[in-house]
Amino acid sequence: MTEEEESRFCPYCGEALTKPYWMHIQKEHPEKYAQKETWIKLYQDYRKIGMDQEVSIKVISELFNSTEEEINSFLKNSNEL
């Protein structure tokens, strides 16, 4: 397991995640999984802790089983990018 894979934790409960990451969010936090608005808060939080834009979007896409393009589009439409 790479260092990148070892550092994936649930942003809601802190549990260490294994691939596919989104399955934990969908099962344990369905209300968050269903809300795209959650992406905005996660993106803001990740940027505040120093994660660059590309990595932030990649992590969110893995957590929510969405494409990076979909995340980018939503964040742009929400005036976050």
N, C-alpha and C. Protein backbone atom coordinates (compact mmCIF):
# COMPACT_ATOMS: atom_id res chain seq x y z
N MET A 1 0.85 -1.18 0.00
CA MET A 1 0.00 0.00 0.00
C MET A 1 0.89 1.24 0.00
N THR A 2 0.59 2.18 -0.87
CA THR A 2 1.40 3.39 -0.96
C THR A 2 1.03 4.35 0.17
N GLU A 3 1.90 5.33 0.38
CA GLU A 3 1.65 6.34 1.41
C GLU A 3 0.35 7.08 1.13
N GLU A 4 0.08 7.36 -0.15
CA GLU A 4 -1.15 8.06 -0.53
C GLU A 4 -2.38 7.25 -0.13
N GLU A 5 -2.35 5.95 -0.37
CA GLU A 5 -3.48 5.10 -0.02
C GLU A 5 -3.64 4.98 1.48
N GLU A 6 -2.54 4.99 2.21
CA GLU A 6 -2.59 4.87 3.65
C GLU A 6 -3.17 6.11 4.31
N SER A 7 -3.18 7.23 3.62
CA SER A 7 -3.60 8.48 4.23
C SER A 7 -5.06 8.85 3.94
N ARG A 8 -5.86 7.93 3.44
CA ARG A 8 -7.26 8.21 3.15
C ARG A 8 -8.11 7.89 4.39
N PHE A 9 -8.75 8.93 4.90
CA PHE A 9 -9.62 8.78 6.06
C PHE A 9 -10.97 9.41 5.77
N CYS A 10 -12.00 8.89 6.38
CA CYS A 10 -13.33 9.45 6.21
C CYS A 10 -13.35 10.86 6.79
N PRO A 11 -13.82 11.84 6.01
CA PRO A 11 -13.86 13.21 6.52
C PRO A 11 -14.95 13.42 7.57
N TYR A 12 -15.80 12.45 7.78
CA TYR A 12 -16.91 12.59 8.72
C TYR A 12 -16.68 11.88 10.04
N CYS A 13 -16.08 10.68 10.00
CA CYS A 13 -15.88 9.93 11.24
C CYS A 13 -14.41 9.60 11.51
N GLY A 14 -13.53 9.87 10.55
CA GLY A 14 -12.11 9.65 10.74
C GLY A 14 -11.63 8.23 10.52
N GLU A 15 -12.53 7.33 10.17
CA GLU A 15 -12.15 5.94 9.94
C GLU A 15 -11.21 5.82 8.74
N ALA A 16 -10.18 4.98 8.87
CA ALA A 16 -9.28 4.73 7.75
C ALA A 16 -10.06 4.02 6.65
N LEU A 17 -9.87 4.45 5.41
CA LEU A 17 -10.63 3.92 4.29
C LEU A 17 -9.78 3.03 3.40
N THR A 18 -10.43 2.07 2.79
CA THR A 18 -9.81 1.24 1.77
C THR A 18 -10.64 1.39 0.50
N LYS A 19 -10.03 1.09 -0.63
CA LYS A 19 -10.74 1.24 -1.90
C LYS A 19 -11.84 0.20 -2.02
N PRO A 20 -12.93 0.51 -2.62
CA PRO A 20 -13.31 1.83 -3.12
C PRO A 20 -13.77 2.73 -1.97
N TYR A 21 -13.15 3.89 -1.85
CA TYR A 21 -13.39 4.80 -0.73
C TYR A 21 -14.85 5.21 -0.60
N TRP A 22 -15.51 5.42 -1.73
CA TRP A 22 -16.89 5.92 -1.71
C TRP A 22 -17.87 4.97 -1.05
N MET A 23 -17.57 3.69 -1.00
CA MET A 23 -18.51 2.72 -0.41
C MET A 23 -18.74 3.01 1.07
N HIS A 24 -17.70 3.41 1.78
CA HIS A 24 -17.86 3.75 3.20
C HIS A 24 -18.77 4.95 3.36
N ILE A 25 -18.53 6.01 2.58
CA ILE A 25 -19.35 7.23 2.67
C ILE A 25 -20.80 6.88 2.35
N GLN A 26 -21.01 6.12 1.30
CA GLN A 26 -22.37 5.77 0.88
C GLN A 26 -23.09 4.97 1.96
N LYS A 27 -22.39 4.04 2.58
CA LYS A 27 -23.01 3.15 3.57
C LYS A 27 -23.17 3.82 4.93
N GLU A 28 -22.13 4.46 5.41
CA GLU A 28 -22.12 5.00 6.77
C GLU A 28 -22.64 6.43 6.88
N HIS A 29 -22.59 7.18 5.80
CA HIS A 29 -23.00 8.60 5.83
C HIS A 29 -23.86 8.92 4.60
N PRO A 30 -24.97 8.19 4.43
CA PRO A 30 -25.76 8.35 3.20
C PRO A 30 -26.30 9.75 2.98
N GLU A 31 -26.59 10.46 4.07
CA GLU A 31 -27.10 11.83 3.91
C GLU A 31 -26.04 12.74 3.31
N LYS A 32 -24.79 12.53 3.66
CA LYS A 32 -23.69 13.33 3.09
C LYS A 32 -23.39 12.89 1.67
N TYR A 33 -23.45 11.60 1.44
CA TYR A 33 -23.15 11.06 0.11
C TYR A 33 -24.12 11.61 -0.94
N ALA A 34 -25.36 11.81 -0.54
CA ALA A 34 -26.40 12.25 -1.48
C ALA A 34 -26.35 13.75 -1.78
N GLN A 35 -25.62 14.52 -0.98
CA GLN A 35 -25.61 15.97 -1.14
C GLN A 35 -24.34 16.46 -1.82
N LYS A 36 -24.48 16.97 -3.02
CA LYS A 36 -23.31 17.52 -3.71
C LYS A 36 -22.76 18.74 -2.99
N GLU A 37 -23.59 19.43 -2.22
CA GLU A 37 -23.13 20.60 -1.49
C GLU A 37 -22.01 20.24 -0.51
N THR A 38 -21.98 18.98 -0.11
CA THR A 38 -20.91 18.48 0.75
C THR A 38 -19.55 18.68 0.09
N TRP A 39 -19.50 18.59 -1.24
CA TRP A 39 -18.25 18.75 -1.97
C TRP A 39 -17.64 20.12 -1.72
N ILE A 40 -18.48 21.15 -1.61
CA ILE A 40 -17.98 22.51 -1.40
C ILE A 40 -17.25 22.60 -0.07
N LYS A 41 -17.88 22.12 0.99
CA LYS A 41 -17.27 22.19 2.33
C LYS A 41 -15.98 21.37 2.37
N LEU A 42 -15.98 20.19 1.80
CA LEU A 42 -14.77 19.37 1.78
C LEU A 42 -13.66 20.07 1.00
N TYR A 43 -14.00 20.62 -0.15
CA TYR A 43 -13.02 21.33 -0.97
C TYR A 43 -12.42 22.49 -0.17
N GLN A 44 -13.26 23.27 0.47
CA GLN A 44 -12.77 24.40 1.27
C GLN A 44 -11.87 23.92 2.40
N ASP A 45 -12.28 22.86 3.09
CA ASP A 45 -11.48 22.32 4.19
C ASP A 45 -10.14 21.79 3.70
N TYR A 46 -10.14 21.05 2.60
CA TYR A 46 -8.90 20.50 2.07
C TYR A 46 -7.95 21.62 1.64
N ARG A 47 -8.47 22.66 1.04
CA ARG A 47 -7.63 23.79 0.61
C ARG A 47 -7.05 24.51 1.82
N LYS A 48 -7.84 24.64 2.89
CA LYS A 48 -7.37 25.32 4.11
C LYS A 48 -6.22 24.57 4.77
N ILE A 49 -6.21 23.25 4.64
CA ILE A 49 -5.12 22.49 5.25
C ILE A 49 -3.91 22.36 4.33
N GLY A 50 -3.99 23.01 3.16
CA GLY A 50 -2.83 23.06 2.28
C GLY A 50 -2.83 22.09 1.12
N MET A 51 -3.89 21.35 0.93
CA MET A 51 -3.96 20.44 -0.20
C MET A 51 -4.16 21.27 -1.47
N ASP A 52 -3.45 20.93 -2.54
CA ASP A 52 -3.62 21.73 -3.76
C ASP A 52 -4.94 21.37 -4.44
N GLN A 53 -5.34 22.20 -5.37
CA GLN A 53 -6.64 22.07 -6.03
C GLN A 53 -6.81 20.71 -6.69
N GLU A 54 -5.82 20.29 -7.44
CA GLU A 54 -5.91 19.02 -8.18
C GLU A 54 -6.08 17.83 -7.24
N VAL A 55 -5.30 17.80 -6.17
CA VAL A 55 -5.38 16.69 -5.22
C VAL A 55 -6.73 16.73 -4.49
N SER A 56 -7.17 17.92 -4.11
CA SER A 56 -8.47 18.05 -3.43
C SER A 56 -9.59 17.47 -4.28
N ILE A 57 -9.60 17.82 -5.54
CA ILE A 57 -10.65 17.33 -6.45
C ILE A 57 -10.54 15.83 -6.65
N LYS A 58 -9.32 15.32 -6.74
CA LYS A 58 -9.11 13.87 -6.90
C LYS A 58 -9.65 13.12 -5.68
N VAL A 59 -9.34 13.60 -4.49
CA VAL A 59 -9.81 12.94 -3.27
C VAL A 59 -11.34 12.96 -3.19
N ILE A 60 -11.94 14.10 -3.48
CA ILE A 60 -13.40 14.19 -3.45
C ILE A 60 -14.02 13.24 -4.47
N SER A 61 -13.42 13.16 -5.65
CA SER A 61 -13.96 12.26 -6.67
C SER A 61 -13.88 10.80 -6.21
N GLU A 62 -12.82 10.44 -5.52
CA GLU A 62 -12.68 9.07 -5.02
C GLU A 62 -13.65 8.80 -3.87
N LEU A 63 -13.87 9.79 -3.02
CA LEU A 63 -14.78 9.61 -1.88
C LEU A 63 -16.24 9.48 -2.31
N PHE A 64 -16.59 10.13 -3.41
CA PHE A 64 -17.99 10.17 -3.83
C PHE A 64 -18.26 9.46 -5.15
N ASN A 65 -17.30 8.69 -5.63
CA ASN A 65 -17.47 7.91 -6.85
C ASN A 65 -18.00 8.77 -8.00
N SER A 66 -17.38 9.93 -8.16
CA SER A 66 -17.74 10.87 -9.22
C SER A 66 -16.49 11.18 -10.02
N THR A 67 -16.69 11.68 -11.22
CA THR A 67 -15.52 12.03 -12.03
C THR A 67 -14.94 13.36 -11.56
N GLU A 68 -13.67 13.54 -11.82
CA GLU A 68 -13.03 14.81 -11.51
C GLU A 68 -13.67 15.94 -12.30
N GLU A 69 -14.10 15.63 -13.52
CA GLU A 69 -14.77 16.64 -14.35
C GLU A 69 -16.08 17.08 -13.72
N GLU A 70 -16.83 16.14 -13.16
CA GLU A 70 -18.09 16.47 -12.50
C GLU A 70 -17.85 17.36 -11.28
N ILE A 71 -16.83 17.02 -10.50
CA ILE A 71 -16.48 17.82 -9.31
C ILE A 71 -16.07 19.22 -9.75
N ASN A 72 -15.18 19.29 -10.75
CA ASN A 72 -14.73 20.59 -11.28
C ASN A 72 -15.91 21.44 -11.72
N SER A 73 -16.79 20.86 -12.49
CA SER A 73 -17.95 21.59 -13.02
C SER A 73 -18.83 22.11 -11.88
N PHE A 74 -19.10 21.25 -10.92
CA PHE A 74 -19.95 21.67 -9.79
C PHE A 74 -19.29 22.80 -9.00
N LEU A 75 -18.00 22.67 -8.73
CA LEU A 75 -17.30 23.72 -7.97
C LEU A 75 -17.23 25.03 -8.75
N LYS A 76 -17.05 24.94 -10.05
CA LYS A 76 -17.05 26.16 -10.89
C LYS A 76 -18.42 26.82 -10.86
N ASN A 77 -19.47 26.03 -11.02
CA ASN A 77 -20.83 26.57 -10.99
C ASN A 77 -21.21 27.14 -9.63
N SER A 78 -20.51 26.69 -8.60
CA SER A 78 -20.75 27.19 -7.24
C SER A 78 -19.80 28.32 -6.87
N ASN A 79 -19.03 28.78 -7.86
CA ASN A 79 -18.06 29.87 -7.68
C ASN A 79 -16.97 29.56 -6.66
N GLU A 80 -16.59 28.28 -6.56
CA GLU A 80 -15.49 27.88 -5.67
C GLU A 80 -14.17 27.81 -6.42
N LEU A 81 -14.21 27.72 -7.74
CA LEU A 81 -12.98 27.67 -8.55
C LEU A 81 -12.87 28.94 -9.37
